[in-house]
Amino acid sequence: MRIAFLGTPAFAVAALDALDWAGHALVTVVAQPDRPAGRGQALREPATKAWARARGVPVLQPEKVRDGTLAAALRALAPDALVVAAYGRILGKDLLTLAPHGAINVHGSLLPRWRGAAPIQWAVAEGERETGVTIMQMDEGLDTGDVLLQRALEIREDDTSETLAPRLAALGGEALVEALRLLEAGAIVPVRQDAAQATLARILEKEDGRIAWTSPARRVSDRLRGFTPWPGAFTTLEGRTLKVLEARPGADAEAPAGEPGEAEVVPGRGLAVACGGGTALLVTRVQLEGRPAQSALDLANGLRRKRFRLGT
């Protein structure tokens, strides 16, 4: 097939690799514009743009996608299908209906669960043990189109959204190629989503990372894993932000006496922090505002205290 590809971050590169390997003709890669990034705020090109430039594939980076300009440019390339993977923009009907096979999306969840911008993060943060990828025929709704193909994937006990994303991306590439093969052969029957089963994976905000110590330790741990690397998990210690970088439910540490947020040194292990329901979170690595990352034990030694309260 002649494919016009729309995608921006590293997650989308696996789909490009799969399309290239399968012999599809990539007529263009459409990515979001270069954005300032890092401490120096230098312009950084999207991962998909770097992939395309290295292979001589034309790149488009429109500021707007709903004024008809992009649709006209793609129509001139006569693609058989648009493939969309984490592009980050909402497409209008002119783009969705432009190609004979329409617009096909690679989505990082088992739709209708986790429709929206952050499906990987929310699946982990909500403690789910399975997720997957959906190849979907796009419509004008938010991830509401008919399902062409799905593949499931286990969420491991120690997965963060950062470690899970590459595995989902690779699975998405494989599923995409299979879906296109079946589509070309006329051997695929789109399945309508059950809207009653839908959940929303809304865009993450900084405040989502604030730890609620009144929650059970397992939930605190799940949210830490889901929100790694951003927005991370954080609390406060005597008015200073304390990032919790590594922690696990404290099966090997009793909850300190007192209210949720009470922290106590567990020699040789870390800090046991009291959570909701009488549970404990064993915190092993942290970063106090204005300091480099360090072990939780080193933090306690530096404070010269074996017990203190977090969230204050």
C-alpha atoms as a PDB file:
ATOM      1  CA  MET A   1       0.000   0.000   0.000  1.00  0.00           C
ATOM      2  CA  ARG A   2       0.910   3.638  -0.406  1.00  0.00           C
ATOM      3  CA  ILE A   3       0.880   4.968   3.152  1.00  0.00           C
ATOM      4  CA  ALA A   4       0.794   8.522   4.465  1.00  0.00           C
ATOM      5  CA  PHE A   5       1.971   8.220   8.070  1.00  0.00           C
ATOM      6  CA  LEU A   6       1.021  10.644  10.842  1.00  0.00           C
ATOM      7  CA  GLY A   7       2.912  10.272  14.123  1.00  0.00           C
ATOM      8  CA  THR A   8       5.299  12.171  16.338  1.00  0.00           C
ATOM      9  CA  PRO A   9       7.059  10.486  19.321  1.00  0.00           C
ATOM     10  CA  ALA A  10       9.241   7.403  19.725  1.00  0.00           C
ATOM     11  CA  PHE A  11       6.154   5.213  20.225  1.00  0.00           C
ATOM     12  CA  ALA A  12       5.280   5.763  16.556  1.00  0.00           C
ATOM     13  CA  VAL A  13       8.695   4.715  15.221  1.00  0.00           C
ATOM     14  CA  ALA A  14       7.978   1.013  15.765  1.00  0.00           C
ATOM     15  CA  ALA A  15       5.002   1.320  13.407  1.00  0.00           C
ATOM     16  CA  LEU A  16       7.228   2.975  10.797  1.00  0.00           C
ATOM     17  CA  ASP A  17       9.770   0.169  11.144  1.00  0.00           C
ATOM     18  CA  ALA A  18       7.044  -2.434  10.694  1.00  0.00           C
ATOM     19  CA  LEU A  19       5.575  -0.727   7.624  1.00  0.00           C
ATOM     20  CA  ASP A  20       9.024  -0.404   6.064  1.00  0.00           C
ATOM     21  CA  TRP A  21       9.858  -4.048   6.795  1.00  0.00           C
ATOM     22  CA  ALA A  22       6.556  -5.198   5.274  1.00  0.00           C
ATOM     23  CA  GLY A  23       7.314  -3.355   2.027  1.00  0.00           C
ATOM     24  CA  HIS A  24       4.673  -0.643   2.180  1.00  0.00           C
ATOM     25  CA  ALA A  25       5.480   2.571   0.305  1.00  0.00           C
ATOM     26  CA  LEU A  26       5.704   5.503   2.704  1.00  0.00           C
ATOM     27  CA  VAL A  27       4.787   8.558   0.648  1.00  0.00           C
ATOM     28  CA  THR A  28       5.263  10.985   3.552  1.00  0.00           C
ATOM     29  CA  VAL A  29       5.647  11.222   7.324  1.00  0.00           C
ATOM     30  CA  VAL A  30       3.585  13.943   8.997  1.00  0.00           C
ATOM     31  CA  ALA A  31       4.869  14.998  12.427  1.00  0.00           C
ATOM     32  CA  GLN A  32       4.250  17.863  14.792  1.00  0.00           C
ATOM     33  CA  PRO A  33       6.640  20.834  14.464  1.00  0.00           C
ATOM     34  CA  ASP A  34      10.023  20.809  16.195  1.00  0.00           C
ATOM     35  CA  ARG A  35       9.621  21.966  19.812  1.00  0.00           C
ATOM     36  CA  PRO A  36      11.986  23.493  22.404  1.00  0.00           C
ATOM     37  CA  ALA A  37      13.191  20.838  24.845  1.00  0.00           C
ATOM     38  CA  GLY A  38      15.715  20.346  27.632  1.00  0.00           C
ATOM     39  CA  ARG A  39      17.307  22.903  29.890  1.00  0.00           C
ATOM     40  CA  GLY A  40      18.629  24.943  26.999  1.00  0.00           C
ATOM     41  CA  GLN A  41      15.237  24.879  25.252  1.00  0.00           C
ATOM     42  CA  ALA A  42      16.896  24.082  21.928  1.00  0.00           C
ATOM     43  CA  LEU A  43      14.587  22.937  19.150  1.00  0.00           C
ATOM     44  CA  ARG A  44      14.269  19.158  19.041  1.00  0.00           C
ATOM     45  CA  GLU A  45      12.899  17.243  16.075  1.00  0.00           C
ATOM     46  CA  PRO A  46      10.307  14.505  16.609  1.00  0.00           C
ATOM     47  CA  ALA A  47      11.509  10.903  16.570  1.00  0.00           C
ATOM     48  CA  THR A  48       9.458  10.158  13.465  1.00  0.00           C
ATOM     49  CA  LYS A  49      11.017  13.054  11.578  1.00  0.00           C
ATOM     50  CA  ALA A  50      14.510  11.769  12.382  1.00  0.00           C
ATOM     51  CA  TRP A  51      13.488   8.302  11.161  1.00  0.00           C
ATOM     52  CA  ALA A  52      12.099   9.698   7.901  1.00  0.00           C
ATOM     53  CA  ARG A  53      15.077  11.974   7.183  1.00  0.00           C
ATOM     54  CA  ALA A  54      17.471   9.050   7.625  1.00  0.00           C
ATOM     55  CA  ARG A  55      15.580   7.142   4.914  1.00  0.00           C
ATOM     56  CA  GLY A  56      14.791   9.942   2.504  1.00  0.00           C
ATOM     57  CA  VAL A  57      11.057   9.937   3.205  1.00  0.00           C
ATOM     58  CA  PRO A  58       9.462  13.389   2.737  1.00  0.00           C
ATOM     59  CA  VAL A  59       8.365  15.061   5.984  1.00  0.00           C
ATOM     60  CA  LEU A  60       5.487  17.461   6.595  1.00  0.00           C
ATOM     61  CA  GLN A  61       5.195  19.443   9.852  1.00  0.00           C
ATOM     62  CA  PRO A  62       2.079  21.603   9.610  1.00  0.00           C
ATOM     63  CA  GLU A  63       1.182  23.993  12.410  1.00  0.00           C
ATOM     64  CA  LYS A  64      -2.498  23.489  11.580  1.00  0.00           C
ATOM     65  CA  VAL A  65      -4.263  20.364  10.385  1.00  0.00           C
ATOM     66  CA  ARG A  66      -7.860  21.530  10.011  1.00  0.00           C
ATOM     67  CA  ASP A  67      -7.542  24.372   7.488  1.00  0.00           C
ATOM     68  CA  GLY A  68      -7.506  22.116   4.418  1.00  0.00           C
ATOM     69  CA  THR A  69      -3.823  22.628   3.584  1.00  0.00           C
ATOM     70  CA  LEU A  70      -2.637  19.262   4.904  1.00  0.00           C
ATOM     71  CA  ALA A  71      -5.549  17.444   3.292  1.00  0.00           C
ATOM     72  CA  ALA A  72      -4.681  18.980  -0.075  1.00  0.00           C
ATOM     73  CA  ALA A  73      -1.011  18.036   0.272  1.00  0.00           C
ATOM     74  CA  LEU A  74      -1.845  14.432   1.174  1.00  0.00           C
ATOM     75  CA  ARG A  75      -4.488  14.097  -1.526  1.00  0.00           C
ATOM     76  CA  ALA A  76      -1.847  14.997  -4.114  1.00  0.00           C
ATOM     77  CA  LEU A  77       0.229  12.019  -2.911  1.00  0.00           C
ATOM     78  CA  ALA A  78      -2.668   9.598  -3.550  1.00  0.00           C
ATOM     79  CA  PRO A  79      -2.179   7.344  -0.519  1.00  0.00           C
ATOM     80  CA  ASP A  80      -4.174   4.131  -0.164  1.00  0.00           C
ATOM     81  CA  ALA A  81      -4.460   4.729   3.582  1.00  0.00           C
ATOM     82  CA  LEU A  82      -3.486   7.134   6.314  1.00  0.00           C
ATOM     83  CA  VAL A  83      -1.829   5.446   9.292  1.00  0.00           C
ATOM     84  CA  VAL A  84      -1.892   7.386  12.552  1.00  0.00           C
ATOM     85  CA  ALA A  85       0.175   6.572  15.658  1.00  0.00           C
ATOM     86  CA  ALA A  86       0.438   9.072  18.509  1.00  0.00           C
ATOM     87  CA  TYR A  87       0.282  12.066  16.181  1.00  0.00           C
ATOM     88  CA  GLY A  88      -1.138  14.288  18.899  1.00  0.00           C
ATOM     89  CA  ARG A  89      -3.657  16.216  16.802  1.00  0.00           C
ATOM     90  CA  ILE A  90      -7.383  15.725  16.158  1.00  0.00           C
ATOM     91  CA  LEU A  91      -8.077  15.035  12.491  1.00  0.00           C
ATOM     92  CA  GLY A  92     -11.079  16.394  10.616  1.00  0.00           C
ATOM     93  CA  LYS A  93     -13.361  14.534   8.241  1.00  0.00           C
ATOM     94  CA  ASP A  94     -11.411  15.786   5.208  1.00  0.00           C
ATOM     95  CA  LEU A  95      -8.364  13.809   6.384  1.00  0.00           C
ATOM     96  CA  LEU A  96     -10.240  10.785   7.730  1.00  0.00           C
ATOM     97  CA  THR A  97     -11.980  10.171   4.388  1.00  0.00           C
ATOM     98  CA  LEU A  98      -9.150  11.191   2.068  1.00  0.00           C
ATOM     99  CA  ALA A  99      -7.777   7.720   1.237  1.00  0.00           C
ATOM    100  CA  PRO A 100      -9.632   4.638  -0.086  1.00  0.00           C
ATOM    101  CA  HIS A 101      -8.948   2.733   3.154  1.00  0.00           C
ATOM    102  CA  GLY A 102      -9.519   5.792   5.332  1.00  0.00           C
ATOM    103  CA  ALA A 103      -7.407   6.530   8.406  1.00  0.00           C
ATOM    104  CA  ILE A 104      -6.141   3.645  10.527  1.00  0.00           C
ATOM    105  CA  ASN A 105      -4.937   4.246  14.073  1.00  0.00           C
ATOM    106  CA  VAL A 106      -2.505   2.356  16.302  1.00  0.00           C
ATOM    107  CA  HIS A 107      -3.770   2.885  19.866  1.00  0.00           C
ATOM    108  CA  GLY A 108      -1.962   1.760  23.026  1.00  0.00           C
ATOM    109  CA  SER A 109      -4.838   0.051  24.836  1.00  0.00           C
ATOM    110  CA  LEU A 110      -7.570  -2.525  24.365  1.00  0.00           C
ATOM    111  CA  LEU A 111     -10.348  -0.196  23.286  1.00  0.00           C
ATOM    112  CA  PRO A 112     -12.878   0.847  24.423  1.00  0.00           C
ATOM    113  CA  ARG A 113     -10.814   0.833  27.609  1.00  0.00           C
ATOM    114  CA  TRP A 114      -8.548   3.874  27.953  1.00  0.00           C
ATOM    115  CA  ARG A 115      -9.665   6.102  25.142  1.00  0.00           C
ATOM    116  CA  GLY A 116      -7.606   9.282  25.036  1.00  0.00           C
ATOM    117  CA  ALA A 117      -4.119  10.715  25.177  1.00  0.00           C
ATOM    118  CA  ALA A 118      -2.439   8.678  27.938  1.00  0.00           C
ATOM    119  CA  PRO A 119      -3.653   5.053  27.738  1.00  0.00           C
ATOM    120  CA  ILE A 120      -0.371   3.443  28.766  1.00  0.00           C
ATOM    121  CA  GLN A 121       0.084   5.621  31.838  1.00  0.00           C
ATOM    122  CA  TRP A 122      -3.452   5.159  33.121  1.00  0.00           C
ATOM    123  CA  ALA A 123      -3.494   1.385  32.602  1.00  0.00           C
ATOM    124  CA  VAL A 124      -0.424   1.056  34.830  1.00  0.00           C
ATOM    125  CA  ALA A 125      -1.537   3.722  37.310  1.00  0.00           C
ATOM    126  CA  GLU A 126      -4.861   1.962  37.833  1.00  0.00           C
ATOM    127  CA  GLY A 127      -3.144  -1.312  38.686  1.00  0.00           C
ATOM    128  CA  GLU A 128      -4.249  -3.263  35.633  1.00  0.00           C
ATOM    129  CA  ARG A 129      -2.416  -6.481  34.813  1.00  0.00           C
ATOM    130  CA  GLU A 130      -3.201  -6.581  31.100  1.00  0.00           C
ATOM    131  CA  THR A 131      -3.356  -4.034  28.319  1.00  0.00           C
ATOM    132  CA  GLY A 132      -2.635  -4.221  24.617  1.00  0.00           C
ATOM    133  CA  VAL A 133      -2.949  -2.461  21.283  1.00  0.00           C
ATOM    134  CA  THR A 134      -5.906  -1.749  19.045  1.00  0.00           C
ATOM    135  CA  ILE A 135      -5.807  -1.155  15.300  1.00  0.00           C
ATOM    136  CA  MET A 136      -8.836   1.024  14.680  1.00  0.00           C
ATOM    137  CA  GLN A 137     -10.650   2.584  11.732  1.00  0.00           C
ATOM    138  CA  MET A 138     -10.736   6.230  12.770  1.00  0.00           C
ATOM    139  CA  ASP A 139     -13.872   8.343  12.911  1.00  0.00           C
ATOM    140  CA  GLU A 140     -14.432  11.869  14.205  1.00  0.00           C
ATOM    141  CA  GLY A 141     -14.815  10.785  17.842  1.00  0.00           C
ATOM    142  CA  LEU A 142     -12.116  10.334  20.490  1.00  0.00           C
ATOM    143  CA  ASP A 143     -10.879   6.787  19.807  1.00  0.00           C
ATOM    144  CA  THR A 144     -14.435   5.653  19.064  1.00  0.00           C
ATOM    145  CA  GLY A 145     -13.904   4.047  15.650  1.00  0.00           C
ATOM    146  CA  ASP A 146     -14.498   0.418  14.718  1.00  0.00           C
ATOM    147  CA  VAL A 147     -11.889  -2.111  15.840  1.00  0.00           C
ATOM    148  CA  LEU A 148      -9.967  -3.914  13.093  1.00  0.00           C
ATOM    149  CA  LEU A 149      -7.563  -5.947  15.238  1.00  0.00           C
ATOM    150  CA  GLN A 150      -6.445  -6.232  18.869  1.00  0.00           C
ATOM    151  CA  ARG A 151      -3.477  -7.842  20.601  1.00  0.00           C
ATOM    152  CA  ALA A 152      -3.163  -8.226  24.386  1.00  0.00           C
ATOM    153  CA  LEU A 153      -0.004  -7.787  26.481  1.00  0.00           C
ATOM    154  CA  GLU A 154       0.777  -8.497  30.138  1.00  0.00           C
ATOM    155  CA  ILE A 155       1.656  -5.603  32.427  1.00  0.00           C
ATOM    156  CA  ARG A 156       4.489  -6.919  34.574  1.00  0.00           C
ATOM    157  CA  GLU A 157       4.664  -6.340  38.308  1.00  0.00           C
ATOM    158  CA  ASP A 158       7.668  -4.033  37.934  1.00  0.00           C
ATOM    159  CA  ASP A 159       6.571  -2.261  34.745  1.00  0.00           C
ATOM    160  CA  THR A 160       6.435   1.505  34.564  1.00  0.00           C
ATOM    161  CA  SER A 161       4.738   3.299  31.698  1.00  0.00           C
ATOM    162  CA  GLU A 162       8.255   3.964  30.407  1.00  0.00           C
ATOM    163  CA  THR A 163       9.216   0.260  30.279  1.00  0.00           C
ATOM    164  CA  LEU A 164       5.828  -0.851  28.966  1.00  0.00           C
ATOM    165  CA  ALA A 165       5.630   1.636  26.080  1.00  0.00           C
ATOM    166  CA  PRO A 166       8.360   0.088  23.861  1.00  0.00           C
ATOM    167  CA  ARG A 167       6.793  -3.379  24.136  1.00  0.00           C
ATOM    168  CA  LEU A 168       3.380  -1.994  23.239  1.00  0.00           C
ATOM    169  CA  ALA A 169       4.879  -0.035  20.346  1.00  0.00           C
ATOM    170  CA  ALA A 170       6.518  -3.167  18.922  1.00  0.00           C
ATOM    171  CA  LEU A 171       3.287  -5.137  19.313  1.00  0.00           C
ATOM    172  CA  GLY A 172       1.406  -2.293  17.652  1.00  0.00           C
ATOM    173  CA  GLY A 173       3.709  -2.423  14.644  1.00  0.00           C
ATOM    174  CA  GLU A 174       3.138  -6.157  14.232  1.00  0.00           C
ATOM    175  CA  ALA A 175      -0.628  -5.793  14.604  1.00  0.00           C
ATOM    176  CA  LEU A 176      -0.709  -2.907  12.122  1.00  0.00           C
ATOM    177  CA  VAL A 177       1.011  -4.907   9.395  1.00  0.00           C
ATOM    178  CA  GLU A 178      -1.342  -7.840   9.980  1.00  0.00           C
ATOM    179  CA  ALA A 179      -4.407  -5.575   9.882  1.00  0.00           C
ATOM    180  CA  LEU A 180      -3.296  -3.973   6.609  1.00  0.00           C
ATOM    181  CA  ARG A 181      -2.719  -7.409   5.076  1.00  0.00           C
ATOM    182  CA  LEU A 182      -6.216  -8.532   6.052  1.00  0.00           C
ATOM    183  CA  LEU A 183      -7.706  -5.232   4.901  1.00  0.00           C
ATOM    184  CA  GLU A 184      -6.123  -5.557   1.460  1.00  0.00           C
ATOM    185  CA  ALA A 185      -7.443  -9.111   1.215  1.00  0.00           C
ATOM    186  CA  GLY A 186     -10.951  -8.047   2.216  1.00  0.00           C
ATOM    187  CA  ALA A 187     -10.724 -10.497   5.103  1.00  0.00           C
ATOM    188  CA  ILE A 188     -11.357  -8.199   8.037  1.00  0.00           C
ATOM    189  CA  VAL A 189     -14.702  -7.381   9.641  1.00  0.00           C
ATOM    190  CA  PRO A 190     -14.687  -4.135  11.662  1.00  0.00           C
ATOM    191  CA  VAL A 191     -16.230  -4.483  15.126  1.00  0.00           C
ATOM    192  CA  ARG A 192     -18.113  -1.635  16.763  1.00  0.00           C
ATOM    193  CA  GLN A 193     -16.904  -0.625  20.219  1.00  0.00           C
ATOM    194  CA  ASP A 194     -19.144  -1.048  23.259  1.00  0.00           C
ATOM    195  CA  ALA A 195     -19.355   2.526  24.519  1.00  0.00           C
ATOM    196  CA  ALA A 196     -20.715   1.323  27.867  1.00  0.00           C
ATOM    197  CA  GLN A 197     -17.304  -0.229  28.603  1.00  0.00           C
ATOM    198  CA  ALA A 198     -15.295   2.887  27.728  1.00  0.00           C
ATOM    199  CA  THR A 199     -12.892   4.573  30.143  1.00  0.00           C
ATOM    200  CA  LEU A 200     -11.036   7.843  29.598  1.00  0.00           C
ATOM    201  CA  ALA A 201      -7.253   8.180  29.628  1.00  0.00           C
ATOM    202  CA  ARG A 202      -7.159  11.931  30.072  1.00  0.00           C
ATOM    203  CA  ILE A 203      -4.043  14.043  29.587  1.00  0.00           C
ATOM    204  CA  LEU A 204      -1.816  13.896  32.653  1.00  0.00           C
ATOM    205  CA  GLU A 205      -1.296  16.957  34.813  1.00  0.00           C
ATOM    206  CA  LYS A 206       1.529  17.719  37.218  1.00  0.00           C
ATOM    207  CA  GLU A 207      -0.789  17.418  40.210  1.00  0.00           C
ATOM    208  CA  ASP A 208      -1.623  13.817  39.292  1.00  0.00           C
ATOM    209  CA  GLY A 209       1.785  12.902  40.679  1.00  0.00           C
ATOM    210  CA  ARG A 210       1.073  14.155  44.197  1.00  0.00           C
ATOM    211  CA  ILE A 211       0.983  11.157  46.536  1.00  0.00           C
ATOM    212  CA  ALA A 212      -2.131  10.639  48.639  1.00  0.00           C
ATOM    213  CA  TRP A 213      -0.775   8.729  51.634  1.00  0.00           C
ATOM    214  CA  THR A 214      -4.326   7.878  52.687  1.00  0.00           C
ATOM    215  CA  SER A 215      -4.491   5.496  49.699  1.00  0.00           C
ATOM    216  CA  PRO A 216      -3.390   1.863  50.157  1.00  0.00           C
ATOM    217  CA  ALA A 217       0.297   1.223  49.481  1.00  0.00           C
ATOM    218  CA  ARG A 218      -0.480  -0.830  46.366  1.00  0.00           C
ATOM    219  CA  ARG A 219      -2.364   2.079  44.803  1.00  0.00           C
ATOM    220  CA  VAL A 220       0.436   4.519  45.645  1.00  0.00           C
ATOM    221  CA  SER A 221       2.932   2.121  44.051  1.00  0.00           C
ATOM    222  CA  ASP A 222       0.790   1.652  40.928  1.00  0.00           C
ATOM    223  CA  ARG A 223       0.488   5.394  40.418  1.00  0.00           C
ATOM    224  CA  LEU A 224       4.233   5.845  40.859  1.00  0.00           C
ATOM    225  CA  ARG A 225       4.815   3.223  38.145  1.00  0.00           C
ATOM    226  CA  GLY A 226       2.187   4.690  35.850  1.00  0.00           C
ATOM    227  CA  PHE A 227       3.402   8.254  36.202  1.00  0.00           C
ATOM    228  CA  THR A 228       7.077   7.435  35.566  1.00  0.00           C
ATOM    229  CA  PRO A 229       8.764   9.379  34.019  1.00  0.00           C
ATOM    230  CA  TRP A 230       6.171  12.194  34.059  1.00  0.00           C
ATOM    231  CA  PRO A 231       4.714  13.689  36.175  1.00  0.00           C
ATOM    232  CA  GLY A 232       6.447  11.313  38.566  1.00  0.00           C
ATOM    233  CA  ALA A 233       5.355  10.735  42.165  1.00  0.00           C
ATOM    234  CA  PHE A 234       6.043  13.402  44.752  1.00  0.00           C
ATOM    235  CA  THR A 235       5.197  14.503  48.254  1.00  0.00           C
ATOM    236  CA  THR A 236       6.527  17.169  50.599  1.00  0.00           C
ATOM    237  CA  LEU A 237       8.940  17.097  53.505  1.00  0.00           C
ATOM    238  CA  GLU A 238       8.797  20.148  55.734  1.00  0.00           C
ATOM    239  CA  GLY A 239       7.652  22.317  52.847  1.00  0.00           C
ATOM    240  CA  ARG A 240      10.133  20.993  50.273  1.00  0.00           C
ATOM    241  CA  THR A 241       9.176  18.796  47.341  1.00  0.00           C
ATOM    242  CA  LEU A 242      10.340  15.209  47.700  1.00  0.00           C
ATOM    243  CA  LYS A 243      10.236  13.020  44.592  1.00  0.00           C
ATOM    244  CA  VAL A 244       9.728   9.318  45.264  1.00  0.00           C
ATOM    245  CA  LEU A 245      11.741   7.581  42.560  1.00  0.00           C
ATOM    246  CA  GLU A 246      11.592   3.945  43.663  1.00  0.00           C
ATOM    247  CA  ALA A 247       9.219   2.220  46.061  1.00  0.00           C
ATOM    248  CA  ARG A 248       7.191  -0.946  46.491  1.00  0.00           C
ATOM    249  CA  PRO A 249       4.389  -2.110  48.750  1.00  0.00           C
ATOM    250  CA  GLY A 250       6.155  -2.968  52.002  1.00  0.00           C
ATOM    251  CA  ALA A 251       5.458  -6.647  52.542  1.00  0.00           C
ATOM    252  CA  ASP A 252       8.840  -6.756  54.289  1.00  0.00           C
ATOM    253  CA  ALA A 253       8.196  -3.629  56.381  1.00  0.00           C
ATOM    254  CA  GLU A 254       5.502  -2.931  58.946  1.00  0.00           C
ATOM    255  CA  ALA A 255       3.555   0.296  58.722  1.00  0.00           C
ATOM    256  CA  PRO A 256       4.823   2.873  61.221  1.00  0.00           C
ATOM    257  CA  ALA A 257       2.433   3.815  63.982  1.00  0.00           C
ATOM    258  CA  GLY A 258       0.540   7.031  63.398  1.00  0.00           C
ATOM    259  CA  GLU A 259      -1.277   8.707  60.561  1.00  0.00           C
ATOM    260  CA  PRO A 260      -0.694   8.032  56.833  1.00  0.00           C
ATOM    261  CA  GLY A 261       2.512   9.770  55.776  1.00  0.00           C
ATOM    262  CA  GLU A 262       4.485   8.790  58.887  1.00  0.00           C
ATOM    263  CA  ALA A 263       7.892   7.509  57.738  1.00  0.00           C
ATOM    264  CA  GLU A 264      10.331   5.356  59.670  1.00  0.00           C
ATOM    265  CA  VAL A 265      13.775   4.004  58.801  1.00  0.00           C
ATOM    266  CA  VAL A 266      13.975   0.259  58.137  1.00  0.00           C
ATOM    267  CA  PRO A 267      17.697  -0.503  58.617  1.00  0.00           C
ATOM    268  CA  GLY A 268      19.352  -1.723  55.441  1.00  0.00           C
ATOM    269  CA  ARG A 269      16.159  -1.375  53.377  1.00  0.00           C
ATOM    270  CA  GLY A 270      14.725   2.122  53.170  1.00  0.00           C
ATOM    271  CA  LEU A 271      11.841   4.113  54.594  1.00  0.00           C
ATOM    272  CA  ALA A 272       8.568   2.475  55.572  1.00  0.00           C
ATOM    273  CA  VAL A 273       5.771   4.984  55.024  1.00  0.00           C
ATOM    274  CA  ALA A 274       2.327   4.455  56.530  1.00  0.00           C
ATOM    275  CA  CYS A 275      -0.445   4.364  53.922  1.00  0.00           C
ATOM    276  CA  GLY A 276      -4.188   3.840  54.009  1.00  0.00           C
ATOM    277  CA  GLY A 277      -5.718   0.673  55.400  1.00  0.00           C
ATOM    278  CA  GLY A 278      -2.767  -0.046  57.676  1.00  0.00           C
ATOM    279  CA  THR A 279      -0.454  -0.758  54.723  1.00  0.00           C
ATOM    280  CA  ALA A 280       3.129   0.388  54.225  1.00  0.00           C
ATOM    281  CA  LEU A 281       5.141   1.580  51.241  1.00  0.00           C
ATOM    282  CA  LEU A 282       8.855   0.821  51.319  1.00  0.00           C
ATOM    283  CA  VAL A 283      10.556   3.829  49.724  1.00  0.00           C
ATOM    284  CA  THR A 284      14.106   3.130  48.550  1.00  0.00           C
ATOM    285  CA  ARG A 285      15.134   6.064  46.343  1.00  0.00           C
ATOM    286  CA  VAL A 286      14.173   9.742  46.499  1.00  0.00           C
ATOM    287  CA  GLN A 287      15.164  13.228  45.414  1.00  0.00           C
ATOM    288  CA  LEU A 288      14.711  16.165  47.756  1.00  0.00           C
ATOM    289  CA  GLU A 289      14.181  19.567  46.175  1.00  0.00           C
ATOM    290  CA  GLY A 290      17.542  21.175  45.415  1.00  0.00           C
ATOM    291  CA  ARG A 291      19.497  17.923  45.816  1.00  0.00           C
ATOM    292  CA  PRO A 292      20.552  15.056  43.560  1.00  0.00           C
ATOM    293  CA  ALA A 293      18.760  11.710  43.689  1.00  0.00           C
ATOM    294  CA  GLN A 294      19.822   9.516  46.612  1.00  0.00           C
ATOM    295  CA  SER A 295      18.805   6.447  48.546  1.00  0.00           C
ATOM    296  CA  ALA A 296      16.052   6.945  51.093  1.00  0.00           C
ATOM    297  CA  LEU A 297      18.467   5.785  53.804  1.00  0.00           C
ATOM    298  CA  ASP A 298      20.986   8.459  52.811  1.00  0.00           C
ATOM    299  CA  LEU A 299      18.233  11.055  53.043  1.00  0.00           C
ATOM    300  CA  ALA A 300      17.356   9.915  56.560  1.00  0.00           C
ATOM    301  CA  ASN A 301      21.022   9.865  57.578  1.00  0.00           C
ATOM    302  CA  GLY A 302      21.467  13.397  56.259  1.00  0.00           C
ATOM    303  CA  LEU A 303      18.483  14.567  58.268  1.00  0.00           C
ATOM    304  CA  ARG A 304      19.849  12.675  61.309  1.00  0.00           C
ATOM    305  CA  ARG A 305      16.409  11.346  62.043  1.00  0.00           C
ATOM    306  CA  LYS A 306      14.877   7.891  62.014  1.00  0.00           C
ATOM    307  CA  ARG A 307      11.297   9.064  61.874  1.00  0.00           C
ATOM    308  CA  PHE A 308       9.531  11.978  60.196  1.00  0.00           C
ATOM    309  CA  ARG A 309       6.308  12.868  58.460  1.00  0.00           C
ATOM    310  CA  LEU A 310       5.757  13.203  54.717  1.00  0.00           C
ATOM    311  CA  GLY A 311       3.116  15.368  53.105  1.00  0.00           C
ATOM    312  CA  THR A 312       3.843  18.381  55.300  1.00  0.00           C
END
